[in-house]
Amino acid sequence: MSAADLMKKLLDYVLEQAKTVDPKAFKLAGHAGFLRGYADLQGLPGVDFDVQEDGDHIWLKTARLEAHPPPALPPLALLGASKATQPPIVVSAAPHGTRPSIDEAAFQRLVALLPPAQPEKLAEREAFIDINRSKLVSALNQYIPLWDAWAEGEKPRRRTISLYGDLFALKHQLEAEEAAKPQELVWGLGVSAWKLSYAERLQTSTIDFQYPLITQAMEIGMDDRTLALEVRPRSVGPQFSLDAFAACQLLSAPEVEKAAREALVKGADRPVSPFDPGSFEHLLKLIAGNLHDKGRYEQNFEGFPKANDELVVTDAWVLLSRPKSVNFLQEDIERLKTRLTPDVSIPLGPLALVTPPSDAPSMYASAAFRGLSGTSGGHGDTGKLQELFFPLPYNHEQVTIVEQLERSAGVTVQGPPGTGKTHTIANIVCHYLATGRKVLVTSKGEQALEVLQSKIPEMIRPLTVALLSGDREGMRQFQGSIEAIIHNVSQLNPEVVRDQIRNEHSGIDRAHSELATIDRRVDIIAMAQLSDIEVDGVGMRAQKMAELVVSGEKKHAWFDDVLSLDPSHALLVPMQS
């Protein structure tokens, strides 16, 4: 079996191991995350569908609206007040709140401010209060129609504002890839329903499947000028949500999914869109007719279908968030599998995964880098000396990683946060760029890539091309970086650059020569300080001798002759007769 075939089998194994399907999760009812259907969005002010611009297709665009306050209450003079003020009427600022009403407590406080009346004038006082209450009721009755009209027009506006807030919060959640539970936003087509039997732990239960059969990954962008939120499809193809059927032992599910994928590939010239029924209807009809003998497809369906014993596939769509699945991994792997033709050249790293180990011992040529402290002039003991282009401070452990990379197809470095992994990666990236190699850095989240890019020295940073944030913004950054690099390269004078390179190499050679001189001087000083010196037949270090001199200074200070370790100054020992 060829290496390409072995790699395909390995990728298939990875896909199977990545699947963790819970059929009970394929249900829209009671969905805890973001969930909007067509009925929730149609007719909302500031919400537009199918916005096509030059080179861009926005499926949903939500404007950033401001809430309108309720109409102001007309001023009213009550209970003998000298001037008109705001009447004691309770007005809700929420259009779904209670209708305006008299603030009875506030009215009674106004009544309490009236001067006390004589007993014979109590009736006149009560009549005066009733007249003012009538004026207040009349003002309220005139204001309520104004408030009702405002509430009726403000309700859809507030729904748009709520939609904007939910999408804005979801946007930040999607970008926080290092969260404990990363989310993804999908546009689901073909919301379907069916009662399924699921066997779990020797028990069979019935679950209500209610989920879209086709899902398209989406991203949320923001218009920098208007702050409108734009929901557009990502640059990955749609996926089929048939794993729940396979988990419920529906044997036809894998073949139906395979046929649907083939039909999707054949219609690649007409991308799937919720606004183009011809792009997805044939797929939904294929699934409905082949998954179940009584399965049916219903058009112009409003809302979501209810689960029953027969499969119902509709043309309803839904926009929802969910825990990030392995769909993106599956699509990447499927693309890799199409590249694994018999004559393909597999890189050494992946090739090592499907290459049987050799019985012969591995022979590696040592790599040594000059410029490191030590008499050998390099970190390794043997091998050709190479330049080490580390712009940031480093230690021998980090150099060891580069040495391993020079002789191995891959190296794994593990360590807790704060141990310098990103710092080391930045050094390695700079070293590889200086030696004319290409480097690809990937990460689970954008924050790690941003930190790494910030550690690249500013003079080298223009050579790094970052693909951060969403597909559209990432491609914009990518295009800008490439154009900047091309512009800088086109402005270079090759002869001047070659002279600069030669001068820099000469400067590096001089620096290495100076470092070697310093190293030799340090070695001489170290040898003098750390080597044993024999005194009267006893070997001692310089530190020990200094301690003896200091400790005996008071005892022998009277002896002011200058002595050395010369034999002429040795202690005379009387001869025994």
Protein backbone atom coordinates (compact mmCIF):
# COMPACT_ATOMS: atom_id res chain seq x y z
CA MET A 1 0.00 0.00 0.00
CA SER A 2 1.36 3.41 -0.99
CA ALA A 3 2.08 6.21 1.45
CA ALA A 4 -0.85 8.22 0.00
CA ASP A 5 -3.28 5.36 0.67
CA LEU A 6 -1.96 4.93 4.21
CA MET A 7 -2.37 8.65 4.80
CA LYS A 8 -5.99 8.52 3.59
CA LYS A 9 -6.74 5.68 6.02
CA LEU A 10 -5.11 7.63 8.83
CA LEU A 11 -7.22 10.68 8.03
CA ASP A 12 -10.38 8.57 7.97
CA TYR A 13 -9.44 7.23 11.39
CA VAL A 14 -8.98 10.78 12.69
CA LEU A 15 -12.45 11.71 11.44
CA GLU A 16 -14.09 8.74 13.12
CA GLN A 17 -12.32 9.41 16.40
CA ALA A 18 -13.38 13.06 16.30
CA LYS A 19 -17.07 12.22 16.10
CA THR A 20 -18.92 12.54 19.40
CA VAL A 21 -22.57 12.55 18.36
CA ASP A 22 -25.40 12.97 20.84
CA PRO A 23 -28.70 12.60 18.90
CA LYS A 24 -30.59 14.34 21.71
CA ALA A 25 -28.69 17.56 20.93
CA PHE A 26 -30.31 17.88 17.48
CA LYS A 27 -33.32 19.80 18.72
CA LEU A 28 -34.28 23.44 18.29
CA ALA A 29 -36.94 23.48 21.00
CA GLY A 30 -35.37 24.73 24.21
CA HIS A 31 -32.17 25.82 22.45
CA ALA A 32 -30.11 27.80 24.97
CA GLY A 33 -27.97 29.82 22.56
CA PHE A 34 -28.69 32.29 19.79
CA LEU A 35 -31.67 31.18 17.69
CA ARG A 36 -33.61 33.15 15.08
CA GLY A 37 -35.94 31.95 12.35
CA TYR A 38 -37.45 33.83 9.42
CA ALA A 39 -40.57 34.67 11.43
CA ASP A 40 -38.36 36.31 14.10
CA LEU A 41 -36.59 38.58 11.61
CA GLN A 42 -39.01 39.44 8.83
CA GLY A 43 -40.29 43.00 8.74
CA LEU A 44 -37.86 44.33 11.36
CA PRO A 45 -36.61 47.87 10.70
CA GLY A 46 -32.93 48.03 9.88
CA VAL A 47 -32.72 44.30 9.06
CA ASP A 48 -31.92 43.44 5.44
CA PHE A 49 -31.46 40.06 3.74
CA ASP A 50 -29.45 39.01 0.70
CA VAL A 51 -27.35 42.18 0.40
CA GLN A 52 -25.02 41.77 -2.57
CA GLU A 53 -22.18 44.22 -2.97
CA ASP A 54 -19.08 44.22 -5.13
CA GLY A 55 -17.24 40.99 -4.33
CA ASP A 56 -19.32 40.41 -1.20
CA HIS A 57 -22.56 38.63 -0.34
CA ILE A 58 -24.13 39.49 3.01
CA TRP A 59 -26.93 37.18 4.05
CA LEU A 60 -28.12 39.32 6.97
CA LYS A 61 -27.36 42.95 7.80
CA THR A 62 -28.52 44.58 11.03
CA ALA A 63 -28.31 48.34 11.53
CA ARG A 64 -27.34 49.88 14.86
CA LEU A 65 -30.53 51.61 15.93
CA GLU A 66 -31.17 53.85 18.92
CA ALA A 67 -34.21 53.40 21.15
CA HIS A 68 -36.86 56.11 20.84
CA PRO A 69 -38.28 57.42 24.14
CA PRO A 70 -42.04 57.60 24.65
CA PRO A 71 -43.77 60.90 23.80
CA ALA A 72 -43.46 63.58 26.43
CA LEU A 73 -46.40 64.27 28.73
CA PRO A 74 -48.06 67.67 28.14
CA PRO A 75 -47.64 69.97 31.17
CA LEU A 76 -50.70 70.41 33.36
CA ALA A 77 -51.53 72.83 36.22
CA LEU A 78 -53.25 70.96 39.05
CA LEU A 79 -54.70 71.83 42.44
CA GLY A 80 -54.17 75.57 42.23
CA ALA A 81 -50.54 75.42 41.11
CA SER A 82 -49.24 78.71 39.73
CA LYS A 83 -47.66 77.06 36.65
CA ALA A 84 -48.12 73.89 34.63
CA THR A 85 -45.82 70.94 35.43
CA GLN A 86 -45.55 67.30 34.41
CA PRO A 87 -48.73 65.57 35.57
CA PRO A 88 -48.50 62.61 38.00
CA ILE A 89 -48.83 59.91 35.36
CA VAL A 90 -46.70 56.74 35.29
CA VAL A 91 -45.24 56.18 31.81
CA SER A 92 -43.29 53.03 30.92
CA ALA A 93 -40.25 53.49 28.67
CA ALA A 94 -40.65 49.90 27.45
CA PRO A 95 -43.12 49.42 24.60
CA HIS A 96 -44.10 46.03 26.03
CA GLY A 97 -44.70 47.57 29.46
CA THR A 98 -47.96 48.53 31.08
CA ARG A 99 -50.00 51.35 29.60
CA PRO A 100 -49.76 54.79 31.25
CA SER A 101 -51.76 55.26 34.44
CA ILE A 102 -52.31 57.84 37.17
CA ASP A 103 -49.66 57.88 39.88
CA GLU A 104 -52.11 57.85 42.77
CA ALA A 105 -49.43 58.30 45.45
CA ALA A 106 -48.03 61.38 43.69
CA PHE A 107 -51.54 62.85 43.29
CA GLN A 108 -52.24 62.36 47.00
CA ARG A 109 -49.00 64.15 47.84
CA LEU A 110 -50.23 67.14 45.80
CA VAL A 111 -53.54 67.01 47.65
CA ALA A 112 -51.70 67.04 50.98
CA LEU A 113 -50.04 70.32 50.01
CA LEU A 114 -53.42 72.09 49.84
CA PRO A 115 -54.13 74.43 52.79
CA PRO A 116 -56.52 72.95 55.37
CA ALA A 117 -60.16 73.93 54.89
CA GLN A 118 -62.71 75.01 57.48
CA PRO A 119 -65.36 72.38 58.32
CA GLU A 120 -68.04 74.32 56.49
CA LYS A 121 -65.84 74.37 53.32
CA LEU A 122 -64.88 70.66 53.23
CA ALA A 123 -67.43 69.95 50.54
CA GLU A 124 -65.96 72.71 48.37
CA ARG A 125 -62.49 71.23 48.93
CA GLU A 126 -63.57 67.75 47.86
CA ALA A 127 -65.28 69.16 44.77
CA PHE A 128 -62.09 71.04 43.91
CA ILE A 129 -60.07 67.79 44.22
CA ASP A 130 -62.59 65.92 42.02
CA ILE A 131 -62.37 68.61 39.35
CA ASN A 132 -58.56 68.32 39.27
CA ARG A 133 -58.76 64.50 39.16
CA SER A 134 -61.08 64.83 36.19
CA LYS A 135 -58.56 67.10 34.50
CA LEU A 136 -55.85 64.49 35.18
CA VAL A 137 -58.00 61.65 33.81
CA SER A 138 -58.75 63.70 30.71
CA ALA A 139 -55.03 64.37 30.17
CA LEU A 140 -54.32 60.66 30.60
CA ASN A 141 -56.99 59.69 28.09
CA GLN A 142 -55.53 62.12 25.57
CA TYR A 143 -51.98 60.79 26.14
CA ILE A 144 -52.72 57.03 25.98
CA PRO A 145 -53.37 56.97 22.18
CA LEU A 146 -50.04 58.75 21.65
CA TRP A 147 -48.26 56.19 23.83
CA ASP A 148 -50.03 53.27 22.12
CA ALA A 149 -48.93 54.53 18.70
CA TRP A 150 -45.36 54.94 19.94
CA ALA A 151 -45.33 51.46 21.51
CA GLU A 152 -46.68 49.83 18.35
CA GLY A 153 -43.93 51.37 16.24
CA GLU A 154 -41.22 50.91 18.84
CA LYS A 155 -41.78 47.17 19.45
CA PRO A 156 -40.15 46.01 16.17
CA ARG A 157 -37.45 48.61 16.63
CA ARG A 158 -36.62 47.22 20.06
CA ARG A 159 -36.51 43.71 18.55
CA THR A 160 -33.90 44.97 16.08
CA ILE A 161 -31.94 46.53 18.94
CA SER A 162 -32.14 43.25 20.86
CA LEU A 163 -31.02 41.34 17.76
CA TYR A 164 -28.07 43.70 17.34
CA GLY A 165 -27.07 43.25 20.99
CA ASP A 166 -27.27 39.46 20.76
CA LEU A 167 -25.23 39.38 17.54
CA PHE A 168 -22.67 41.80 18.98
CA ALA A 169 -22.21 39.62 22.08
CA LEU A 170 -22.03 36.52 19.90
CA LYS A 171 -19.40 38.19 17.69
CA HIS A 172 -17.07 38.62 20.67
CA GLN A 173 -17.83 35.08 21.84
CA LEU A 174 -16.95 33.65 18.43
CA GLU A 175 -13.68 35.60 18.40
CA ALA A 176 -12.75 34.32 21.89
CA GLU A 177 -11.56 30.97 20.53
CA GLU A 178 -9.75 30.11 23.75
CA ALA A 179 -12.99 30.07 25.73
CA ALA A 180 -13.88 26.96 27.67
CA LYS A 181 -16.74 26.22 25.26
CA PRO A 182 -16.03 27.79 21.84
CA GLN A 183 -19.11 28.52 19.72
CA GLU A 184 -19.85 28.75 16.03
CA LEU A 185 -22.65 30.45 14.11
CA VAL A 186 -24.41 28.51 11.36
CA TRP A 187 -27.25 29.19 8.97
CA GLY A 188 -29.35 26.05 8.83
CA LEU A 189 -31.42 25.12 5.76
CA GLY A 190 -34.09 22.46 5.57
CA VAL A 191 -35.39 22.37 9.15
CA SER A 192 -36.70 18.81 9.57
CA ALA A 193 -38.45 16.76 12.23
CA TRP A 194 -38.71 13.04 12.97
CA LYS A 195 -39.17 10.73 15.95
CA LEU A 196 -36.12 8.44 16.24
CA SER A 197 -35.36 5.41 18.37
CA TYR A 198 -32.03 5.61 20.16
CA ALA A 199 -30.39 2.73 22.04
CA GLU A 200 -28.21 3.79 24.95
CA ARG A 201 -26.91 1.60 27.79
CA LEU A 202 -29.16 -1.34 26.89
CA GLN A 203 -32.20 0.94 26.91
CA THR A 204 -34.15 2.25 23.95
CA SER A 205 -35.67 5.72 24.09
CA THR A 206 -37.48 7.97 21.63
CA ILE A 207 -35.97 11.33 20.74
CA ASP A 208 -37.48 14.19 18.77
CA PHE A 209 -35.15 15.21 15.96
CA GLN A 210 -35.77 18.84 14.99
CA TYR A 211 -32.82 20.34 13.17
CA PRO A 212 -31.68 21.74 9.80
CA LEU A 213 -30.19 19.15 7.45
CA ILE A 214 -27.78 21.60 5.77
CA THR A 215 -25.65 24.05 7.76
CA GLN A 216 -23.42 26.81 6.46
CA ALA A 217 -20.77 28.28 8.78
CA MET A 218 -21.15 32.04 9.17
CA GLU A 219 -19.08 34.94 10.44
CA ILE A 220 -20.10 38.29 11.89
CA GLY A 221 -18.38 41.43 10.66
CA MET A 222 -18.91 45.11 11.40
CA ASP A 223 -19.15 48.01 8.99
CA ASP A 224 -16.57 50.50 10.30
CA ARG A 225 -18.57 53.45 8.96
CA THR A 226 -22.13 52.65 10.08
CA LEU A 227 -21.36 50.07 12.81
CA ALA A 228 -23.92 47.76 11.18
CA LEU A 229 -23.37 44.04 11.83
CA GLU A 230 -22.99 41.86 8.74
CA VAL A 231 -23.55 38.11 8.77
CA ARG A 232 -21.93 36.45 5.77
CA PRO A 233 -20.99 32.84 4.88
CA ARG A 234 -17.47 31.74 5.64
CA SER A 235 -15.20 30.48 2.90
CA VAL A 236 -16.04 26.85 3.68
CA GLY A 237 -18.66 24.71 2.04
CA PRO A 238 -21.99 23.68 3.60
CA GLN A 239 -22.22 20.57 5.76
CA PHE A 240 -24.91 17.92 6.23
CA SER A 241 -26.34 17.18 9.69
CA LEU A 242 -27.04 13.46 9.29
CA ASP A 243 -24.84 12.17 12.12
CA ALA A 244 -27.86 11.85 14.42
CA PHE A 245 -29.48 9.39 12.01
CA ALA A 246 -26.30 7.30 11.86
CA ALA A 247 -26.08 7.29 15.67
CA CYS A 248 -29.65 5.96 15.78
CA GLN A 249 -28.58 3.01 13.62
CA LEU A 250 -30.31 4.25 10.47
CA LEU A 251 -28.28 2.18 8.03
CA SER A 252 -29.12 4.24 4.96
CA ALA A 253 -27.78 7.48 6.46
CA PRO A 254 -24.11 7.12 5.32
CA GLU A 255 -25.10 6.32 1.73
CA VAL A 256 -27.63 9.15 1.62
CA GLU A 257 -25.04 11.60 2.94
CA LYS A 258 -22.54 10.40 0.34
CA ALA A 259 -25.07 10.88 -2.46
CA ALA A 260 -25.97 14.35 -1.14
CA ARG A 261 -22.29 15.34 -1.05
CA GLU A 262 -21.81 14.19 -4.63
CA ALA A 263 -24.86 16.20 -5.71
CA LEU A 264 -23.48 19.21 -3.85
CA VAL A 265 -20.15 18.93 -5.68
CA LYS A 266 -21.88 18.68 -9.05
CA GLY A 267 -23.79 21.88 -8.33
CA ALA A 268 -20.75 23.79 -7.10
CA ASP A 269 -21.35 26.45 -9.78
CA ARG A 270 -24.54 27.41 -7.92
CA PRO A 271 -23.59 27.99 -4.25
CA VAL A 272 -26.13 27.03 -1.61
CA SER A 273 -28.10 30.08 -0.48
CA PRO A 274 -31.31 30.39 1.57
CA PHE A 275 -32.48 32.99 -0.95
CA ASP A 276 -32.10 30.65 -3.93
CA PRO A 277 -34.41 27.61 -3.51
CA GLY A 278 -32.95 25.99 -6.62
CA SER A 279 -29.57 25.74 -4.89
CA PHE A 280 -30.77 23.43 -2.09
CA GLU A 281 -34.23 22.00 -2.90
CA HIS A 282 -32.84 19.06 -4.87
CA LEU A 283 -30.57 18.16 -1.94
CA LEU A 284 -33.43 18.23 0.59
CA LYS A 285 -35.69 16.18 -1.69
CA LEU A 286 -32.90 13.62 -2.15
CA ILE A 287 -32.48 13.25 1.61
CA ALA A 288 -36.23 13.15 2.34
CA GLY A 289 -36.94 10.52 -0.30
CA ASN A 290 -34.07 8.20 0.56
CA LEU A 291 -33.88 8.36 4.34
CA HIS A 292 -37.46 7.22 4.90
CA ASP A 293 -40.01 5.56 2.62
CA LYS A 294 -42.67 8.04 3.79
CA GLY A 295 -40.36 11.04 3.98
CA ARG A 296 -41.74 14.20 2.36
CA TYR A 297 -40.52 17.65 1.46
CA GLU A 298 -42.74 20.67 2.17
CA GLN A 299 -42.28 24.11 0.63
CA ASN A 300 -43.20 27.55 1.99
CA PHE A 301 -43.28 26.15 5.51
CA GLU A 302 -43.83 28.66 8.32
CA GLY A 303 -42.20 28.05 11.68
CA PHE A 304 -40.58 24.73 12.59
CA PRO A 305 -42.16 21.29 12.01
CA LYS A 306 -43.16 19.02 14.91
CA ALA A 307 -41.60 15.58 15.25
CA ASN A 308 -43.78 12.55 14.38
CA ASP A 309 -43.34 9.04 13.02
CA GLU A 310 -42.77 10.28 9.47
CA LEU A 311 -39.81 12.33 8.32
CA VAL A 312 -40.76 15.89 7.41
CA VAL A 313 -38.21 18.02 5.55
CA THR A 314 -39.12 21.69 5.04
CA ASP A 315 -37.59 24.68 3.30
CA ALA A 316 -37.55 26.65 6.59
CA TRP A 317 -34.23 28.11 7.69
CA VAL A 318 -32.77 29.12 11.04
CA LEU A 319 -29.76 31.09 12.25
CA LEU A 320 -28.30 29.57 15.40
CA SER A 321 -25.17 29.31 17.52
CA ARG A 322 -23.92 26.00 18.81
CA PRO A 323 -20.81 24.45 20.36
CA LYS A 324 -18.07 24.34 17.76
CA SER A 325 -18.22 20.98 16.05
CA VAL A 326 -15.65 19.05 14.05
CA ASN A 327 -17.18 20.19 10.76
CA PHE A 328 -14.26 22.51 10.03
CA LEU A 329 -11.86 19.66 10.76
CA GLN A 330 -13.83 17.32 8.53
CA GLU A 331 -13.79 19.76 5.65
CA ASP A 332 -10.05 20.35 5.97
CA ILE A 333 -9.41 16.61 6.02
CA GLU A 334 -11.63 16.01 3.01
CA ARG A 335 -9.65 18.64 1.09
CA LEU A 336 -6.40 16.96 2.12
CA LYS A 337 -7.69 13.59 0.92
CA THR A 338 -8.41 14.99 -2.54
CA ARG A 339 -4.77 16.13 -2.74
CA LEU A 340 -3.43 12.65 -1.93
CA THR A 341 -2.99 11.41 -5.47
CA PRO A 342 -0.59 8.50 -6.19
CA ASP A 343 2.12 10.84 -7.51
CA VAL A 344 1.84 13.44 -4.73
CA SER A 345 4.95 14.37 -2.74
CA ILE A 346 4.08 14.19 0.96
CA PRO A 347 6.16 16.47 3.23
CA LEU A 348 8.61 14.73 5.56
CA GLY A 349 6.64 15.52 8.73
CA PRO A 350 3.34 13.90 7.72
CA LEU A 351 5.20 11.20 5.79
CA ALA A 352 6.87 10.07 9.02
CA LEU A 353 3.40 9.21 10.41
CA VAL A 354 2.83 6.51 7.77
CA THR A 355 6.42 5.35 7.25
CA PRO A 356 7.37 2.10 9.03
CA PRO A 357 10.27 2.64 11.43
CA SER A 358 13.69 1.55 10.30
CA ASP A 359 15.74 -1.06 12.15
CA ALA A 360 18.94 0.88 11.49
CA PRO A 361 20.05 3.38 14.13
CA SER A 362 19.41 6.99 13.22
CA MET A 363 22.49 8.96 12.32
CA TYR A 364 22.38 12.71 12.77
CA ALA A 365 24.94 15.33 11.89
CA SER A 366 25.50 17.64 14.84
CA ALA A 367 24.54 21.24 14.36
CA ALA A 368 26.64 23.94 15.99
CA PHE A 369 26.05 27.68 16.09
CA ARG A 370 28.88 30.13 16.51
CA GLY A 371 28.66 33.14 18.71
CA LEU A 372 27.66 31.28 21.87
CA SER A 373 29.86 31.47 24.94
CA GLY A 374 32.35 28.64 25.19
CA THR A 375 35.77 27.74 23.89
CA SER A 376 34.32 25.63 21.06
CA GLY A 377 32.68 28.69 19.56
CA GLY A 378 29.31 26.96 19.33
CA HIS A 379 26.71 25.09 21.31
CA GLY A 380 27.51 21.78 19.63
CA ASP A 381 30.86 20.08 19.91
CA THR A 382 31.15 19.02 16.28
CA GLY A 383 29.68 19.84 12.91
CA LYS A 384 29.80 22.84 10.65
CA LEU A 385 29.37 26.15 12.43
CA GLN A 386 26.22 28.05 11.45
CA GLU A 387 24.96 31.53 12.12
CA LEU A 388 22.28 31.92 14.77
CA PHE A 389 19.91 34.80 14.07
CA PHE A 390 18.09 35.21 17.37
CA PRO A 391 17.07 38.88 17.90
CA LEU A 392 15.69 38.29 21.41
CA PRO A 393 17.60 37.09 24.47
CA TYR A 394 17.98 33.32 24.61
CA ASN A 395 19.58 30.48 26.52
CA HIS A 396 21.15 27.15 25.60
CA GLU A 397 17.85 25.30 26.03
CA GLN A 398 16.30 27.41 23.27
CA VAL A 399 19.29 26.80 21.02
CA THR A 400 18.84 23.07 21.61
CA ILE A 401 15.39 23.32 20.03
CA VAL A 402 16.89 24.83 16.87
CA GLU A 403 19.53 22.10 16.80
CA GLN A 404 16.81 19.46 17.02
CA LEU A 405 14.91 21.14 14.18
CA GLU A 406 18.03 21.12 12.01
CA ARG A 407 18.25 17.32 12.19
CA SER A 408 14.64 16.20 12.77
CA ALA A 409 11.37 16.48 10.87
CA GLY A 410 9.62 17.91 13.93
CA VAL A 411 10.09 18.84 17.56
CA THR A 412 7.47 19.02 20.32
CA VAL A 413 8.01 21.62 23.04
CA GLN A 414 5.79 21.52 26.10
CA GLY A 415 5.67 23.81 29.09
CA PRO A 416 3.29 25.71 31.37
CA PRO A 417 2.36 29.35 30.67
CA GLY A 418 5.12 31.88 31.21
CA THR A 419 8.04 29.58 30.42
CA GLY A 420 9.02 31.41 27.22
CA LYS A 421 7.45 29.28 24.48
CA THR A 422 6.17 32.26 22.49
CA HIS A 423 9.49 34.04 23.03
CA THR A 424 11.32 31.00 21.63
CA ILE A 425 8.95 30.72 18.65
CA ALA A 426 9.60 34.38 17.79
CA ASN A 427 13.36 33.72 17.80
CA ILE A 428 12.99 30.63 15.62
CA VAL A 429 10.73 32.46 13.14
CA CYS A 430 13.30 35.25 12.80
CA HIS A 431 16.13 32.72 12.42
CA TYR A 432 14.30 30.88 9.65
CA LEU A 433 13.38 34.10 7.83
CA ALA A 434 17.05 35.20 7.99
CA THR A 435 18.13 31.90 6.44
CA GLY A 436 15.65 32.19 3.57
CA ARG A 437 13.05 29.71 4.75
CA LYS A 438 9.25 29.97 4.86
CA VAL A 439 7.41 29.68 8.16
CA LEU A 440 3.74 28.93 8.85
CA VAL A 441 2.48 29.53 12.39
CA THR A 442 -0.97 28.31 13.41
CA SER A 443 -2.82 28.64 16.69
CA LYS A 444 -6.19 27.75 18.16
CA GLY A 445 -6.93 31.38 18.97
CA GLU A 446 -6.05 34.79 17.62
CA GLN A 447 -4.67 36.12 20.89
CA ALA A 448 -1.66 33.81 20.82
CA LEU A 449 -0.85 34.86 17.24
CA GLU A 450 -1.18 38.54 18.13
CA VAL A 451 1.20 38.12 21.08
CA LEU A 452 3.68 36.27 18.86
CA GLN A 453 3.51 38.93 16.15
CA SER A 454 4.12 41.64 18.75
CA LYS A 455 7.37 39.89 19.76
CA ILE A 456 8.75 39.97 16.22
CA PRO A 457 11.14 42.97 15.94
CA GLU A 458 9.62 45.92 14.11
CA MET A 459 12.22 45.76 11.31
CA ILE A 460 11.19 42.17 10.52
CA ARG A 461 7.46 42.46 11.25
CA PRO A 462 6.58 43.69 7.71
CA LEU A 463 7.70 40.26 6.44
CA THR A 464 5.03 38.52 8.52
CA VAL A 465 1.61 38.06 6.95
CA ALA A 466 -1.19 37.62 9.49
CA LEU A 467 -4.53 35.95 8.81
CA LEU A 468 -6.51 37.04 11.85
CA SER A 469 -10.24 37.59 12.59
CA GLY A 470 -12.89 36.49 10.08
CA ASP A 471 -12.43 35.25 6.54
CA ARG A 472 -13.20 38.61 4.92
CA GLU A 473 -11.08 40.69 7.30
CA GLY A 474 -8.32 38.07 7.24
CA MET A 475 -8.13 38.13 3.45
CA ARG A 476 -8.07 41.93 3.51
CA GLN A 477 -5.12 41.87 5.91
CA PHE A 478 -3.46 39.16 3.83
CA GLN A 479 -3.83 41.16 0.62
CA GLY A 480 -2.53 44.32 2.31
CA SER A 481 0.53 42.53 3.68
CA ILE A 482 1.37 40.93 0.35
CA GLU A 483 1.03 44.26 -1.48
CA ALA A 484 3.28 45.94 1.11
CA ILE A 485 5.94 43.23 0.72
CA ILE A 486 5.78 43.43 -3.09
CA HIS A 487 6.08 47.22 -2.94
CA ASN A 488 9.12 47.06 -0.64
CA VAL A 489 10.81 44.41 -2.77
CA SER A 490 10.21 46.37 -5.96
CA GLN A 491 11.94 49.41 -4.40
CA LEU A 492 15.10 47.47 -3.55
CA ASN A 493 18.33 47.96 -5.50
CA PRO A 494 19.89 44.47 -5.75
CA GLU A 495 23.48 45.75 -5.90
CA VAL A 496 23.02 48.03 -2.89
CA VAL A 497 21.37 45.22 -0.94
CA ARG A 498 24.22 42.82 -1.78
CA ASP A 499 26.74 45.37 -0.53
CA GLN A 500 24.71 45.79 2.66
CA ILE A 501 24.63 42.04 3.15
CA ARG A 502 28.40 41.79 2.67
CA ASN A 503 28.95 44.61 5.14
CA GLU A 504 26.61 42.99 7.66
CA HIS A 505 28.44 39.66 7.29
CA SER A 506 31.75 41.42 7.87
CA GLY A 507 30.31 43.07 10.96
CA ILE A 508 29.08 39.67 12.19
CA ASP A 509 32.55 38.18 11.65
CA ARG A 510 34.14 41.02 13.62
CA ALA A 511 31.60 40.60 16.41
CA HIS A 512 32.37 36.86 16.57
CA SER A 513 36.09 37.62 16.69
CA GLU A 514 35.58 40.04 19.57
CA LEU A 515 33.36 37.52 21.36
CA ALA A 516 36.04 34.85 20.96
CA THR A 517 38.68 37.21 22.43
CA ILE A 518 36.40 38.00 25.36
CA ASP A 519 35.70 34.29 25.85
CA ARG A 520 39.42 33.50 25.94
CA ARG A 521 40.06 36.30 28.46
CA VAL A 522 37.17 35.05 30.60
CA ASP A 523 38.64 31.54 30.44
CA ILE A 524 42.05 32.79 31.62
CA ILE A 525 40.49 34.67 34.53
CA ALA A 526 38.32 31.70 35.39
CA MET A 527 41.28 29.31 35.33
CA ALA A 528 43.25 31.61 37.63
CA GLN A 529 40.38 31.87 40.08
CA LEU A 530 39.10 28.32 39.98
CA SER A 531 42.32 26.23 39.60
CA ASP A 532 44.00 24.66 42.66
CA ILE A 533 47.19 26.29 43.93
CA GLU A 534 49.64 24.22 45.94
CA VAL A 535 50.78 25.90 49.17
CA ASP A 536 53.22 23.95 51.35
CA GLY A 537 52.11 20.75 49.69
CA VAL A 538 48.42 21.47 50.15
CA GLY A 539 46.14 22.22 47.16
CA MET A 540 43.81 25.15 47.71
CA ARG A 541 41.48 27.37 45.62
CA ALA A 542 42.07 31.13 45.43
CA GLN A 543 38.92 31.72 47.46
CA LYS A 544 40.19 29.49 50.29
CA MET A 545 43.55 31.26 50.33
CA ALA A 546 41.83 34.65 50.52
CA GLU A 547 39.79 33.45 53.47
CA LEU A 548 42.97 32.32 55.26
CA VAL A 549 44.65 35.69 54.71
CA VAL A 550 41.63 37.62 55.98
CA SER A 551 41.10 35.38 59.00
CA GLY A 552 44.82 35.62 60.02
CA GLU A 553 45.27 39.34 59.44
CA LYS A 554 45.14 40.33 63.13
CA LYS A 555 47.47 37.54 64.18
CA HIS A 556 50.17 38.16 61.54
CA ALA A 557 49.78 41.90 60.81
CA TRP A 558 53.09 42.66 62.58
CA PHE A 559 54.94 40.77 59.79
CA ASP A 560 55.21 43.39 57.05
CA ASP A 561 57.54 41.61 54.62
CA VAL A 562 56.13 40.94 51.15
CA LEU A 563 55.96 37.20 50.54
CA SER A 564 55.01 35.09 47.55
CA LEU A 565 54.67 31.41 46.70
CA ASP A 566 58.22 31.37 45.36
CA PRO A 567 60.30 28.47 46.82
CA SER A 568 62.73 31.04 48.27
CA HIS A 569 59.99 32.11 50.65
CA ALA A 570 59.17 28.62 51.77
CA LEU A 571 59.08 27.92 55.50
CA LEU A 572 62.43 26.60 56.80
CA VAL A 573 62.03 23.32 58.64
CA PRO A 574 64.94 22.38 60.96
CA MET A 575 66.65 19.13 60.07
CA GLN A 576 66.46 16.25 62.50
CA SER A 577 69.83 15.00 63.71
